[in-house]
């Protein structure tokens, strides 16, 4: 059994306030013997539709900035693995590449929606930039955000190999499948899932589906309040909801039985039974 902390938070527009709240959750989770803590998307700040891309850019940081540095220190001080998220400012080389793209508006500022993975020694072991921007159902994240262009490679953690995706990525099953085929037994999906007609139903259905079809635990910390629906979930490899945080702010500590992954994959061998002779992921 491994103790996991899943955080459901209501991020404000105050980056420092959100950082202090995050550090409190880390400290308290570690006191409760959690070995890994998972934060939602937009941990750094809530960005309302009224906020300009310039304003969001001004609060963004590089992965070497204060926000990540404080998370790294807290991971080390509390002996805990952290999955967090930031608005990541592109470096000058990346900016030049972006500016060369035909659809880039040189008068706008856009940032990456980035997950950071920090081990219990305080080292940034990996990062993932959200691939699928939420340009759907009346939203257009691409006005403020840049899409990543690299698949995540699973990394070692207290939960074994983990794969990472972000929010809207859940609607694209091939991404979760590739992470599972690369060895992930756990998928972590930091999210800011927006409220709306059928949205909560979609959230629960897709979290369950991604877990069942790949024989993995799906850990989905979500934002609560503002425009978000809450209901942070952990779903086991057979689709059983291990925890549903409803509209509660804070963290839940859950014991995950990692042996269950192999048990379910043996009795429901979906990855093994694929007809690779008939189709393949390109």
C-alpha atoms as a PDB file:
ATOM      1  CA  UNK A   1       0.000   0.000   0.000  1.00  0.00           C
ATOM      2  CA  UNK A   2       1.155   3.526  -0.814  1.00  0.00           C
ATOM      3  CA  UNK A   3      -0.471   6.607   0.710  1.00  0.00           C
ATOM      4  CA  UNK A   4      -1.451   9.222  -1.879  1.00  0.00           C
ATOM      5  CA  UNK A   5      -2.668  12.745  -1.196  1.00  0.00           C
ATOM      6  CA  UNK A   6      -5.035  14.234  -3.784  1.00  0.00           C
ATOM      7  CA  UNK A   7      -5.646  17.971  -3.479  1.00  0.00           C
ATOM      8  CA  UNK A   8      -8.803  19.812  -4.492  1.00  0.00           C
ATOM      9  CA  UNK A   9      -8.270  23.557  -4.320  1.00  0.00           C
ATOM     10  CA  UNK A  10      -9.908  26.833  -5.251  1.00  0.00           C
ATOM     11  CA  UNK A  11      -7.054  28.798  -6.760  1.00  0.00           C
ATOM     12  CA  UNK A  12      -7.359  32.553  -6.499  1.00  0.00           C
ATOM     13  CA  UNK A  13      -5.728  35.112  -8.786  1.00  0.00           C
ATOM     14  CA  UNK A  14      -3.073  35.666  -6.091  1.00  0.00           C
ATOM     15  CA  UNK A  15      -0.080  33.470  -6.936  1.00  0.00           C
ATOM     16  CA  UNK A  16       1.536  33.847  -3.507  1.00  0.00           C
ATOM     17  CA  UNK A  17      -1.700  32.932  -1.741  1.00  0.00           C
ATOM     18  CA  UNK A  18      -1.957  29.759  -3.836  1.00  0.00           C
ATOM     19  CA  UNK A  19       1.673  28.900  -3.144  1.00  0.00           C
ATOM     20  CA  UNK A  20       1.220  29.220   0.611  1.00  0.00           C
ATOM     21  CA  UNK A  21      -1.932  27.097   0.475  1.00  0.00           C
ATOM     22  CA  UNK A  22      -0.024  24.468  -1.529  1.00  0.00           C
ATOM     23  CA  UNK A  23       2.835  24.398   0.985  1.00  0.00           C
ATOM     24  CA  UNK A  24       0.321  23.855   3.804  1.00  0.00           C
ATOM     25  CA  UNK A  25      -1.258  20.923   1.960  1.00  0.00           C
ATOM     26  CA  UNK A  26       2.176  19.376   1.390  1.00  0.00           C
ATOM     27  CA  UNK A  27       3.168  19.692   5.047  1.00  0.00           C
ATOM     28  CA  UNK A  28      -0.105  18.287   6.361  1.00  0.00           C
ATOM     29  CA  UNK A  29      -0.151  15.461   3.818  1.00  0.00           C
ATOM     30  CA  UNK A  30       3.373  14.453   4.816  1.00  0.00           C
ATOM     31  CA  UNK A  31       2.296  14.455   8.472  1.00  0.00           C
ATOM     32  CA  UNK A  32      -0.352  11.928   7.428  1.00  0.00           C
ATOM     33  CA  UNK A  33       2.360   9.710   5.875  1.00  0.00           C
ATOM     34  CA  UNK A  34       1.557  10.462   2.219  1.00  0.00           C
ATOM     35  CA  UNK A  35       4.422   9.543  -0.102  1.00  0.00           C
ATOM     36  CA  UNK A  36       3.111  11.523  -3.079  1.00  0.00           C
ATOM     37  CA  UNK A  37       0.823  14.560  -3.384  1.00  0.00           C
ATOM     38  CA  UNK A  38      -1.065  15.523  -6.552  1.00  0.00           C
ATOM     39  CA  UNK A  39      -2.288  19.069  -7.222  1.00  0.00           C
ATOM     40  CA  UNK A  40      -4.829  20.203  -9.850  1.00  0.00           C
ATOM     41  CA  UNK A  41      -4.265  22.206 -12.994  1.00  0.00           C
ATOM     42  CA  UNK A  42      -4.017  25.993 -12.480  1.00  0.00           C
ATOM     43  CA  UNK A  43      -2.429  25.470  -9.056  1.00  0.00           C
ATOM     44  CA  UNK A  44      -0.443  28.677  -9.592  1.00  0.00           C
ATOM     45  CA  UNK A  45      -3.433  30.912 -10.323  1.00  0.00           C
ATOM     46  CA  UNK A  46      -7.003  31.121 -11.549  1.00  0.00           C
ATOM     47  CA  UNK A  47      -7.180  32.966 -14.865  1.00  0.00           C
ATOM     48  CA  UNK A  48     -10.692  34.360 -15.513  1.00  0.00           C
ATOM     49  CA  UNK A  49     -11.822  35.174 -19.029  1.00  0.00           C
ATOM     50  CA  UNK A  50     -11.442  38.870 -18.207  1.00  0.00           C
ATOM     51  CA  UNK A  51      -7.698  38.443 -17.604  1.00  0.00           C
ATOM     52  CA  UNK A  52      -5.586  39.355 -20.625  1.00  0.00           C
ATOM     53  CA  UNK A  53      -2.817  37.185 -22.017  1.00  0.00           C
ATOM     54  CA  UNK A  54      -0.355  39.921 -20.998  1.00  0.00           C
ATOM     55  CA  UNK A  55      -1.571  39.760 -17.390  1.00  0.00           C
ATOM     56  CA  UNK A  56      -1.265  35.975 -17.312  1.00  0.00           C
ATOM     57  CA  UNK A  57       2.189  36.182 -18.875  1.00  0.00           C
ATOM     58  CA  UNK A  58       3.284  38.642 -16.176  1.00  0.00           C
ATOM     59  CA  UNK A  59       2.610  36.147 -13.377  1.00  0.00           C
ATOM     60  CA  UNK A  60       4.039  33.137 -15.233  1.00  0.00           C
ATOM     61  CA  UNK A  61       7.474  31.778 -14.326  1.00  0.00           C
ATOM     62  CA  UNK A  62      10.105  29.484 -15.715  1.00  0.00           C
ATOM     63  CA  UNK A  63      10.540  26.064 -14.149  1.00  0.00           C
ATOM     64  CA  UNK A  64      13.489  27.616 -12.285  1.00  0.00           C
ATOM     65  CA  UNK A  65      11.328  30.364 -10.758  1.00  0.00           C
ATOM     66  CA  UNK A  66      10.229  30.878  -7.170  1.00  0.00           C
ATOM     67  CA  UNK A  67       7.028  28.810  -7.390  1.00  0.00           C
ATOM     68  CA  UNK A  68       8.813  25.606  -8.414  1.00  0.00           C
ATOM     69  CA  UNK A  69      11.778  26.391  -6.159  1.00  0.00           C
ATOM     70  CA  UNK A  70       9.456  26.565  -3.140  1.00  0.00           C
ATOM     71  CA  UNK A  71       7.780  23.291  -4.136  1.00  0.00           C
ATOM     72  CA  UNK A  72      11.199  21.666  -4.494  1.00  0.00           C
ATOM     73  CA  UNK A  73      12.237  22.831  -1.038  1.00  0.00           C
ATOM     74  CA  UNK A  74       8.970  21.595   0.462  1.00  0.00           C
ATOM     75  CA  UNK A  75       9.352  18.198  -1.247  1.00  0.00           C
ATOM     76  CA  UNK A  76      12.815  17.852   0.251  1.00  0.00           C
ATOM     77  CA  UNK A  77      11.829  19.122   3.714  1.00  0.00           C
ATOM     78  CA  UNK A  78       8.779  16.857   3.883  1.00  0.00           C
ATOM     79  CA  UNK A  79      10.210  13.808   2.085  1.00  0.00           C
ATOM     80  CA  UNK A  80       7.347  13.677  -0.412  1.00  0.00           C
ATOM     81  CA  UNK A  81       6.964  13.408  -4.206  1.00  0.00           C
ATOM     82  CA  UNK A  82       5.014  16.338  -5.695  1.00  0.00           C
ATOM     83  CA  UNK A  83       2.959  16.567  -8.874  1.00  0.00           C
ATOM     84  CA  UNK A  84       2.215  20.258  -9.345  1.00  0.00           C
ATOM     85  CA  UNK A  85       1.347  22.701 -12.113  1.00  0.00           C
ATOM     86  CA  UNK A  86       2.496  26.128 -13.279  1.00  0.00           C
ATOM     87  CA  UNK A  87       2.052  28.663 -16.040  1.00  0.00           C
ATOM     88  CA  UNK A  88       5.460  28.268 -17.658  1.00  0.00           C
ATOM     89  CA  UNK A  89       7.040  31.175 -19.490  1.00  0.00           C
ATOM     90  CA  UNK A  90       8.746  30.164 -22.745  1.00  0.00           C
ATOM     91  CA  UNK A  91      12.461  30.892 -22.938  1.00  0.00           C
ATOM     92  CA  UNK A  92      13.896  33.145 -25.673  1.00  0.00           C
ATOM     93  CA  UNK A  93      14.728  30.237 -27.984  1.00  0.00           C
ATOM     94  CA  UNK A  94      11.212  28.852 -27.713  1.00  0.00           C
ATOM     95  CA  UNK A  95       9.738  32.321 -28.226  1.00  0.00           C
ATOM     96  CA  UNK A  96      11.639  32.763 -31.491  1.00  0.00           C
ATOM     97  CA  UNK A  97      10.375  29.384 -32.683  1.00  0.00           C
ATOM     98  CA  UNK A  98       6.818  30.309 -31.728  1.00  0.00           C
ATOM     99  CA  UNK A  99       7.080  33.687 -33.462  1.00  0.00           C
ATOM    100  CA  UNK A 100       8.070  31.908 -36.669  1.00  0.00           C
ATOM    101  CA  UNK A 101       4.767  30.005 -36.693  1.00  0.00           C
ATOM    102  CA  UNK A 102       2.156  31.454 -39.028  1.00  0.00           C
ATOM    103  CA  UNK A 103      -0.618  31.591 -36.433  1.00  0.00           C
ATOM    104  CA  UNK A 104       1.390  33.544 -33.849  1.00  0.00           C
ATOM    105  CA  UNK A 105       0.157  37.011 -32.935  1.00  0.00           C
ATOM    106  CA  UNK A 106       3.291  38.978 -32.079  1.00  0.00           C
ATOM    107  CA  UNK A 107       1.235  41.355 -29.941  1.00  0.00           C
ATOM    108  CA  UNK A 108       0.077  38.577 -27.603  1.00  0.00           C
ATOM    109  CA  UNK A 109       1.818  36.714 -24.819  1.00  0.00           C
ATOM    110  CA  UNK A 110       1.105  33.060 -24.255  1.00  0.00           C
ATOM    111  CA  UNK A 111       2.448  30.520 -21.775  1.00  0.00           C
ATOM    112  CA  UNK A 112       2.628  26.759 -21.367  1.00  0.00           C
ATOM    113  CA  UNK A 113       0.251  24.908 -19.036  1.00  0.00           C
ATOM    114  CA  UNK A 114       2.916  22.733 -17.436  1.00  0.00           C
ATOM    115  CA  UNK A 115       2.931  19.871 -14.931  1.00  0.00           C
ATOM    116  CA  UNK A 116       6.072  19.581 -12.824  1.00  0.00           C
ATOM    117  CA  UNK A 117       7.156  16.364 -11.103  1.00  0.00           C
ATOM    118  CA  UNK A 118       9.454  16.761  -8.127  1.00  0.00           C
ATOM    119  CA  UNK A 119      10.906  13.837  -6.197  1.00  0.00           C
ATOM    120  CA  UNK A 120      11.296  13.596  -2.426  1.00  0.00           C
ATOM    121  CA  UNK A 121      14.877  14.856  -2.681  1.00  0.00           C
ATOM    122  CA  UNK A 122      13.615  18.125  -4.139  1.00  0.00           C
ATOM    123  CA  UNK A 123      14.744  17.443  -7.694  1.00  0.00           C
ATOM    124  CA  UNK A 124      12.632  18.314 -10.726  1.00  0.00           C
ATOM    125  CA  UNK A 125      12.610  14.911 -12.435  1.00  0.00           C
ATOM    126  CA  UNK A 126      10.264  15.683 -15.323  1.00  0.00           C
ATOM    127  CA  UNK A 127       7.712  18.077 -16.775  1.00  0.00           C
ATOM    128  CA  UNK A 128       4.795  17.859 -19.169  1.00  0.00           C
ATOM    129  CA  UNK A 129       3.259  20.650 -21.224  1.00  0.00           C
ATOM    130  CA  UNK A 130      -0.442  20.176 -21.933  1.00  0.00           C
ATOM    131  CA  UNK A 131      -0.871  18.964 -25.514  1.00  0.00           C
ATOM    132  CA  UNK A 132      -4.581  19.548 -26.117  1.00  0.00           C
ATOM    133  CA  UNK A 133      -5.774  23.080 -25.433  1.00  0.00           C
ATOM    134  CA  UNK A 134      -9.417  23.529 -24.497  1.00  0.00           C
ATOM    135  CA  UNK A 135     -10.725  25.217 -27.637  1.00  0.00           C
ATOM    136  CA  UNK A 136     -14.231  23.823 -27.278  1.00  0.00           C
ATOM    137  CA  UNK A 137     -17.658  24.405 -25.738  1.00  0.00           C
ATOM    138  CA  UNK A 138     -17.277  28.176 -25.815  1.00  0.00           C
ATOM    139  CA  UNK A 139     -13.698  28.308 -24.501  1.00  0.00           C
ATOM    140  CA  UNK A 140     -10.485  29.112 -26.334  1.00  0.00           C
ATOM    141  CA  UNK A 141      -7.425  28.382 -24.228  1.00  0.00           C
ATOM    142  CA  UNK A 142      -5.149  28.978 -27.194  1.00  0.00           C
ATOM    143  CA  UNK A 143      -5.758  32.722 -26.777  1.00  0.00           C
ATOM    144  CA  UNK A 144      -3.585  32.591 -23.655  1.00  0.00           C
ATOM    145  CA  UNK A 145      -1.816  29.238 -23.703  1.00  0.00           C
ATOM    146  CA  UNK A 146       0.719  27.463 -25.882  1.00  0.00           C
ATOM    147  CA  UNK A 147       0.334  23.773 -26.663  1.00  0.00           C
ATOM    148  CA  UNK A 148       3.149  21.407 -25.829  1.00  0.00           C
ATOM    149  CA  UNK A 149       4.668  19.301 -28.604  1.00  0.00           C
ATOM    150  CA  UNK A 150       6.143  16.349 -26.757  1.00  0.00           C
ATOM    151  CA  UNK A 151       4.653  13.149 -25.335  1.00  0.00           C
ATOM    152  CA  UNK A 152       5.343  12.429 -21.678  1.00  0.00           C
ATOM    153  CA  UNK A 153       7.724   9.593 -20.859  1.00  0.00           C
ATOM    154  CA  UNK A 154       6.690   7.713 -17.692  1.00  0.00           C
ATOM    155  CA  UNK A 155       8.878   8.345 -14.650  1.00  0.00           C
ATOM    156  CA  UNK A 156       9.612   6.439 -11.451  1.00  0.00           C
ATOM    157  CA  UNK A 157       7.715   7.502  -8.340  1.00  0.00           C
ATOM    158  CA  UNK A 158       6.536   6.025  -5.024  1.00  0.00           C
ATOM    159  CA  UNK A 159       3.649   4.604  -7.092  1.00  0.00           C
ATOM    160  CA  UNK A 160       5.934   2.950  -9.630  1.00  0.00           C
ATOM    161  CA  UNK A 161       5.918   4.298 -13.170  1.00  0.00           C
ATOM    162  CA  UNK A 162       3.487   7.163 -13.616  1.00  0.00           C
ATOM    163  CA  UNK A 163       2.200   8.929 -16.706  1.00  0.00           C
ATOM    164  CA  UNK A 164       0.848  12.473 -16.808  1.00  0.00           C
ATOM    165  CA  UNK A 165      -1.813  14.222 -18.846  1.00  0.00           C
ATOM    166  CA  UNK A 166      -3.844  17.386 -18.209  1.00  0.00           C
ATOM    167  CA  UNK A 167      -7.612  17.975 -18.138  1.00  0.00           C
ATOM    168  CA  UNK A 168      -8.806  18.193 -21.782  1.00  0.00           C
ATOM    169  CA  UNK A 169      -6.200  15.531 -22.656  1.00  0.00           C
ATOM    170  CA  UNK A 170      -8.586  13.048 -21.008  1.00  0.00           C
ATOM    171  CA  UNK A 171     -10.923  13.364 -24.005  1.00  0.00           C
ATOM    172  CA  UNK A 172      -8.258  11.881 -26.295  1.00  0.00           C
ATOM    173  CA  UNK A 173      -7.966   8.176 -25.348  1.00  0.00           C
ATOM    174  CA  UNK A 174      -4.927   7.519 -27.528  1.00  0.00           C
ATOM    175  CA  UNK A 175      -2.796   9.642 -25.200  1.00  0.00           C
ATOM    176  CA  UNK A 176      -3.662   7.563 -22.122  1.00  0.00           C
ATOM    177  CA  UNK A 177      -3.182   4.363 -24.113  1.00  0.00           C
ATOM    178  CA  UNK A 178       0.319   5.375 -25.195  1.00  0.00           C
ATOM    179  CA  UNK A 179       1.271   6.192 -21.603  1.00  0.00           C
ATOM    180  CA  UNK A 180       0.001   2.772 -20.489  1.00  0.00           C
ATOM    181  CA  UNK A 181       1.864   1.008 -23.293  1.00  0.00           C
ATOM    182  CA  UNK A 182       5.023   2.810 -22.190  1.00  0.00           C
ATOM    183  CA  UNK A 183       4.691   1.207 -18.765  1.00  0.00           C
ATOM    184  CA  UNK A 184       2.506   3.508 -16.681  1.00  0.00           C
ATOM    185  CA  UNK A 185       0.474   1.750 -14.011  1.00  0.00           C
ATOM    186  CA  UNK A 186      -0.790   5.090 -12.732  1.00  0.00           C
ATOM    187  CA  UNK A 187      -2.084   8.042 -14.747  1.00  0.00           C
ATOM    188  CA  UNK A 188      -2.217  11.441 -13.040  1.00  0.00           C
ATOM    189  CA  UNK A 189      -4.426  14.066 -14.665  1.00  0.00           C
ATOM    190  CA  UNK A 190      -4.280  17.495 -12.978  1.00  0.00           C
ATOM    191  CA  UNK A 191      -7.443  19.269 -14.102  1.00  0.00           C
ATOM    192  CA  UNK A 192      -9.513  22.419 -14.051  1.00  0.00           C
ATOM    193  CA  UNK A 193     -12.712  20.833 -15.354  1.00  0.00           C
ATOM    194  CA  UNK A 194     -15.261  23.526 -16.171  1.00  0.00           C
ATOM    195  CA  UNK A 195     -18.888  23.294 -15.080  1.00  0.00           C
ATOM    196  CA  UNK A 196     -21.618  23.048 -17.705  1.00  0.00           C
ATOM    197  CA  UNK A 197     -24.293  20.890 -19.299  1.00  0.00           C
ATOM    198  CA  UNK A 198     -23.249  17.218 -19.013  1.00  0.00           C
ATOM    199  CA  UNK A 199     -19.710  18.303 -18.082  1.00  0.00           C
ATOM    200  CA  UNK A 200     -19.672  16.567 -14.696  1.00  0.00           C
ATOM    201  CA  UNK A 201     -21.048  13.397 -16.306  1.00  0.00           C
ATOM    202  CA  UNK A 202     -18.311  13.541 -18.943  1.00  0.00           C
ATOM    203  CA  UNK A 203     -15.699  14.014 -16.215  1.00  0.00           C
ATOM    204  CA  UNK A 204     -16.704  10.916 -14.261  1.00  0.00           C
ATOM    205  CA  UNK A 205     -17.289   8.766 -17.351  1.00  0.00           C
ATOM    206  CA  UNK A 206     -13.946   9.579 -18.945  1.00  0.00           C
ATOM    207  CA  UNK A 207     -11.966   9.185 -15.744  1.00  0.00           C
ATOM    208  CA  UNK A 208     -13.500   5.735 -15.335  1.00  0.00           C
ATOM    209  CA  UNK A 209     -13.022   4.844 -18.990  1.00  0.00           C
ATOM    210  CA  UNK A 210      -9.337   5.825 -19.076  1.00  0.00           C
ATOM    211  CA  UNK A 211      -8.755   3.687 -15.969  1.00  0.00           C
ATOM    212  CA  UNK A 212     -10.706   0.646 -17.199  1.00  0.00           C
ATOM    213  CA  UNK A 213      -9.446   0.523 -20.775  1.00  0.00           C
ATOM    214  CA  UNK A 214      -5.801   0.703 -19.682  1.00  0.00           C
ATOM    215  CA  UNK A 215      -5.917  -1.218 -16.400  1.00  0.00           C
ATOM    216  CA  UNK A 216      -4.487   1.723 -14.436  1.00  0.00           C
ATOM    217  CA  UNK A 217      -5.239   3.864 -11.432  1.00  0.00           C
ATOM    218  CA  UNK A 218      -6.437   7.273 -12.615  1.00  0.00           C
ATOM    219  CA  UNK A 219      -5.698  10.099 -10.170  1.00  0.00           C
ATOM    220  CA  UNK A 220      -7.539  13.271 -11.195  1.00  0.00           C
ATOM    221  CA  UNK A 221      -7.156  16.251  -8.825  1.00  0.00           C
ATOM    222  CA  UNK A 222      -9.509  19.036  -9.866  1.00  0.00           C
ATOM    223  CA  UNK A 223     -10.204  22.689  -9.143  1.00  0.00           C
ATOM    224  CA  UNK A 224     -13.294  23.628  -7.096  1.00  0.00           C
ATOM    225  CA  UNK A 225     -15.183  26.932  -7.121  1.00  0.00           C
ATOM    226  CA  UNK A 226     -14.841  29.747  -9.646  1.00  0.00           C
ATOM    227  CA  UNK A 227     -16.000  28.018 -12.871  1.00  0.00           C
ATOM    228  CA  UNK A 228     -14.925  24.482 -11.941  1.00  0.00           C
ATOM    229  CA  UNK A 229     -16.907  21.414 -10.878  1.00  0.00           C
ATOM    230  CA  UNK A 230     -14.701  19.784  -8.241  1.00  0.00           C
ATOM    231  CA  UNK A 231     -15.251  16.042  -7.724  1.00  0.00           C
ATOM    232  CA  UNK A 232     -11.556  15.155  -7.712  1.00  0.00           C
ATOM    233  CA  UNK A 233     -11.361  11.423  -8.318  1.00  0.00           C
ATOM    234  CA  UNK A 234      -9.198   8.396  -7.864  1.00  0.00           C
ATOM    235  CA  UNK A 235     -10.434   5.454  -9.943  1.00  0.00           C
ATOM    236  CA  UNK A 236      -8.982   1.957  -9.677  1.00  0.00           C
ATOM    237  CA  UNK A 237      -8.027  -0.258 -12.678  1.00  0.00           C
ATOM    238  CA  UNK A 238     -11.458  -1.926 -12.694  1.00  0.00           C
ATOM    239  CA  UNK A 239     -13.334   1.398 -12.697  1.00  0.00           C
ATOM    240  CA  UNK A 240     -14.174   1.508  -8.992  1.00  0.00           C
ATOM    241  CA  UNK A 241     -14.133   5.041  -7.588  1.00  0.00           C
ATOM    242  CA  UNK A 242     -11.744   4.956  -4.635  1.00  0.00           C
ATOM    243  CA  UNK A 243     -12.426   8.556  -3.652  1.00  0.00           C
ATOM    244  CA  UNK A 244     -14.700  11.347  -4.870  1.00  0.00           C
ATOM    245  CA  UNK A 245     -14.044  14.652  -3.114  1.00  0.00           C
ATOM    246  CA  UNK A 246     -17.352  16.243  -4.131  1.00  0.00           C
ATOM    247  CA  UNK A 247     -17.226  19.981  -3.431  1.00  0.00           C
ATOM    248  CA  UNK A 248     -14.770  19.774  -0.514  1.00  0.00           C
ATOM    249  CA  UNK A 249     -11.623  21.883  -0.566  1.00  0.00           C
ATOM    250  CA  UNK A 250      -8.454  20.361   0.872  1.00  0.00           C
ATOM    251  CA  UNK A 251      -6.858  16.937   0.520  1.00  0.00           C
ATOM    252  CA  UNK A 252      -7.788  13.276   0.860  1.00  0.00           C
ATOM    253  CA  UNK A 253      -5.285  10.579   1.814  1.00  0.00           C
ATOM    254  CA  UNK A 254      -5.879   7.272   0.057  1.00  0.00           C
ATOM    255  CA  UNK A 255      -4.047   3.948   0.373  1.00  0.00           C
ATOM    256  CA  UNK A 256      -3.466   2.490  -3.083  1.00  0.00           C
ATOM    257  CA  UNK A 257      -2.814  -1.231  -3.494  1.00  0.00           C
ATOM    258  CA  UNK A 258      -0.402  -1.358  -6.426  1.00  0.00           C
ATOM    259  CA  UNK A 259      -0.786  -5.160  -6.723  1.00  0.00           C
ATOM    260  CA  UNK A 260      -4.346  -4.521  -7.904  1.00  0.00           C
ATOM    261  CA  UNK A 261      -2.980  -3.306 -11.250  1.00  0.00           C
ATOM    262  CA  UNK A 262      -1.524  -6.719 -12.084  1.00  0.00           C
ATOM    263  CA  UNK A 263      -4.572  -8.540 -10.702  1.00  0.00           C
ATOM    264  CA  UNK A 264      -6.993  -6.581 -12.905  1.00  0.00           C
ATOM    265  CA  UNK A 265      -4.755  -6.768 -15.964  1.00  0.00           C
ATOM    266  CA  UNK A 266      -4.579 -10.555 -15.551  1.00  0.00           C
ATOM    267  CA  UNK A 267      -8.349 -11.018 -15.312  1.00  0.00           C
ATOM    268  CA  UNK A 268      -9.213  -8.282 -17.834  1.00  0.00           C
ATOM    269  CA  UNK A 269      -6.213  -8.326 -20.213  1.00  0.00           C
ATOM    270  CA  UNK A 270      -7.253  -5.473 -22.495  1.00  0.00           C
ATOM    271  CA  UNK A 271      -3.703  -4.409 -23.331  1.00  0.00           C
ATOM    272  CA  UNK A 272      -2.709  -8.000 -24.069  1.00  0.00           C
ATOM    273  CA  UNK A 273      -5.816  -8.766 -26.140  1.00  0.00           C
ATOM    274  CA  UNK A 274      -5.389  -5.859 -28.534  1.00  0.00           C
ATOM    275  CA  UNK A 275      -5.342  -6.881 -32.214  1.00  0.00           C
ATOM    276  CA  UNK A 276      -2.013  -5.309 -33.042  1.00  0.00           C
ATOM    277  CA  UNK A 277      -2.029  -7.204 -36.332  1.00  0.00           C
ATOM    278  CA  UNK A 278      -5.087  -5.219 -37.413  1.00  0.00           C
ATOM    279  CA  UNK A 279      -4.333  -1.728 -36.129  1.00  0.00           C
ATOM    280  CA  UNK A 280      -1.635   0.315 -34.468  1.00  0.00           C
ATOM    281  CA  UNK A 281      -1.236   3.727 -32.906  1.00  0.00           C
ATOM    282  CA  UNK A 282       0.644   5.997 -35.240  1.00  0.00           C
END
